[in-house]
C-alpha atoms as a PDB file:
ATOM      1  CA  MET A   1      -0.035  -0.086  -0.030  1.00  0.00           C
ATOM      2  CA  SER A   2       1.432   3.367  -0.942  1.00  0.00           C
ATOM      3  CA  ARG A   3       1.188   6.424   1.254  1.00  0.00           C
ATOM      4  CA  ALA A   4       0.157   9.882   0.129  1.00  0.00           C
ATOM      5  CA  PRO A   5       3.215  12.251  -0.226  1.00  0.00           C
ATOM      6  CA  GLN A   6       3.731  14.707   2.532  1.00  0.00           C
ATOM      7  CA  LEU A   7       2.871  18.348   1.787  1.00  0.00           C
ATOM      8  CA  ALA A   8       5.815  20.827   1.935  1.00  0.00           C
ATOM      9  CA  VAL A   9       3.463  23.526   3.206  1.00  0.00           C
ATOM     10  CA  SER A  10       2.467  23.500   6.866  1.00  0.00           C
ATOM     11  CA  VAL A  11      -1.284  23.749   7.471  1.00  0.00           C
ATOM     12  CA  PRO A  12      -2.159  25.667  10.627  1.00  0.00           C
ATOM     13  CA  GLU A  13      -4.215  24.109  13.364  1.00  0.00           C
ATOM     14  CA  VAL A  14      -7.632  25.576  14.412  1.00  0.00           C
ATOM     15  CA  THR A  15      -6.247  27.019  17.605  1.00  0.00           C
ATOM     16  CA  GLU A  16      -3.399  28.763  15.593  1.00  0.00           C
ATOM     17  CA  VAL A  17      -5.902  30.440  13.182  1.00  0.00           C
ATOM     18  CA  LEU A  18      -8.284  31.410  16.004  1.00  0.00           C
ATOM     19  CA  SER A  19      -5.424  32.926  18.031  1.00  0.00           C
ATOM     20  CA  ASP A  20      -3.618  34.647  15.036  1.00  0.00           C
ATOM     21  CA  HIS A  21      -4.017  38.444  15.278  1.00  0.00           C
ATOM     22  CA  ALA A  22      -3.389  38.795  11.639  1.00  0.00           C
ATOM     23  CA  ALA A  23      -6.266  36.530  10.751  1.00  0.00           C
ATOM     24  CA  SER A  24      -9.540  38.410   9.887  1.00  0.00           C
ATOM     25  CA  ASP A  25     -12.498  38.440  12.143  1.00  0.00           C
ATOM     26  CA  TRP A  26     -14.438  37.128   9.167  1.00  0.00           C
ATOM     27  CA  LEU A  27     -12.277  34.083   8.861  1.00  0.00           C
ATOM     28  CA  LYS A  28     -12.223  33.370  12.616  1.00  0.00           C
ATOM     29  CA  ASP A  29     -16.102  33.579  12.706  1.00  0.00           C
ATOM     30  CA  SER A  30     -16.452  31.398   9.785  1.00  0.00           C
ATOM     31  CA  LEU A  31     -14.036  28.840  11.165  1.00  0.00           C
ATOM     32  CA  GLU A  32     -15.883  28.726  14.479  1.00  0.00           C
ATOM     33  CA  ARG A  33     -19.246  28.321  12.830  1.00  0.00           C
ATOM     34  CA  ALA A  34     -17.933  25.736  10.427  1.00  0.00           C
ATOM     35  CA  LEU A  35     -16.724  23.625  13.300  1.00  0.00           C
ATOM     36  CA  LEU A  36     -20.231  23.306  14.623  1.00  0.00           C
ATOM     37  CA  ARG A  37     -21.427  21.823  11.371  1.00  0.00           C
ATOM     38  CA  ASP A  38     -21.162  18.386   9.856  1.00  0.00           C
ATOM     39  CA  PRO A  39     -17.358  18.368   8.719  1.00  0.00           C
ATOM     40  CA  VAL A  40     -18.218  17.053   5.166  1.00  0.00           C
ATOM     41  CA  ASP A  41     -20.925  19.621   4.567  1.00  0.00           C
ATOM     42  CA  ALA A  42     -18.567  22.404   6.005  1.00  0.00           C
ATOM     43  CA  LEU A  43     -15.641  21.308   3.809  1.00  0.00           C
ATOM     44  CA  ASN A  44     -17.785  20.976   0.642  1.00  0.00           C
ATOM     45  CA  ASP A  45     -19.182  24.499   1.231  1.00  0.00           C
ATOM     46  CA  ALA A  46     -15.766  25.918   1.873  1.00  0.00           C
ATOM     47  CA  LEU A  47     -14.344  24.414  -1.345  1.00  0.00           C
ATOM     48  CA  LEU A  48     -17.211  25.756  -3.313  1.00  0.00           C
ATOM     49  CA  LEU A  49     -16.688  29.188  -1.811  1.00  0.00           C
ATOM     50  CA  ALA A  50     -12.931  29.044  -2.565  1.00  0.00           C
ATOM     51  CA  SER A  51     -13.850  28.064  -6.172  1.00  0.00           C
ATOM     52  CA  VAL A  52     -16.335  30.916  -6.699  1.00  0.00           C
ATOM     53  CA  LEU A  53     -13.943  33.446  -5.099  1.00  0.00           C
ATOM     54  CA  GLU A  54     -11.053  32.310  -7.305  1.00  0.00           C
ATOM     55  CA  THR A  55     -13.412  32.755 -10.464  1.00  0.00           C
ATOM     56  CA  GLN A  56     -14.341  36.244  -9.194  1.00  0.00           C
ATOM     57  CA  LEU A  57     -10.643  37.195  -8.682  1.00  0.00           C
ATOM     58  CA  ARG A  58      -9.839  35.873 -12.163  1.00  0.00           C
ATOM     59  CA  ALA A  59     -12.731  37.909 -13.779  1.00  0.00           C
ATOM     60  CA  VAL A  60     -11.723  41.087 -11.838  1.00  0.00           C
ATOM     61  CA  PHE A  61      -8.038  40.931 -12.897  1.00  0.00           C
ATOM     62  CA  GLY A  62      -8.696  39.481 -16.314  1.00  0.00           C
ATOM     63  CA  LEU A  63      -6.775  36.369 -15.815  1.00  0.00           C
ATOM     64  CA  ALA A  64      -7.274  33.444 -18.258  1.00  0.00           C
ATOM     65  CA  ASP A  65      -8.244  29.988 -16.689  1.00  0.00           C
ATOM     66  CA  GLU A  66      -5.227  27.842 -16.248  1.00  0.00           C
END
């Protein structure tokens, strides 16, 4: 059985995000609310939101889909 490769990027823990003074209140509030939800539903919604926001960013800056 093969193992998934380790990511080179460190992913912050929940407590790190919630205690980070540089993190926005919106992010902290969203994370706290997401933790109260079904984790599968919360992740699916977060991924959809990220996709929509990336599409919006590309439209605003006139970037082609890559």
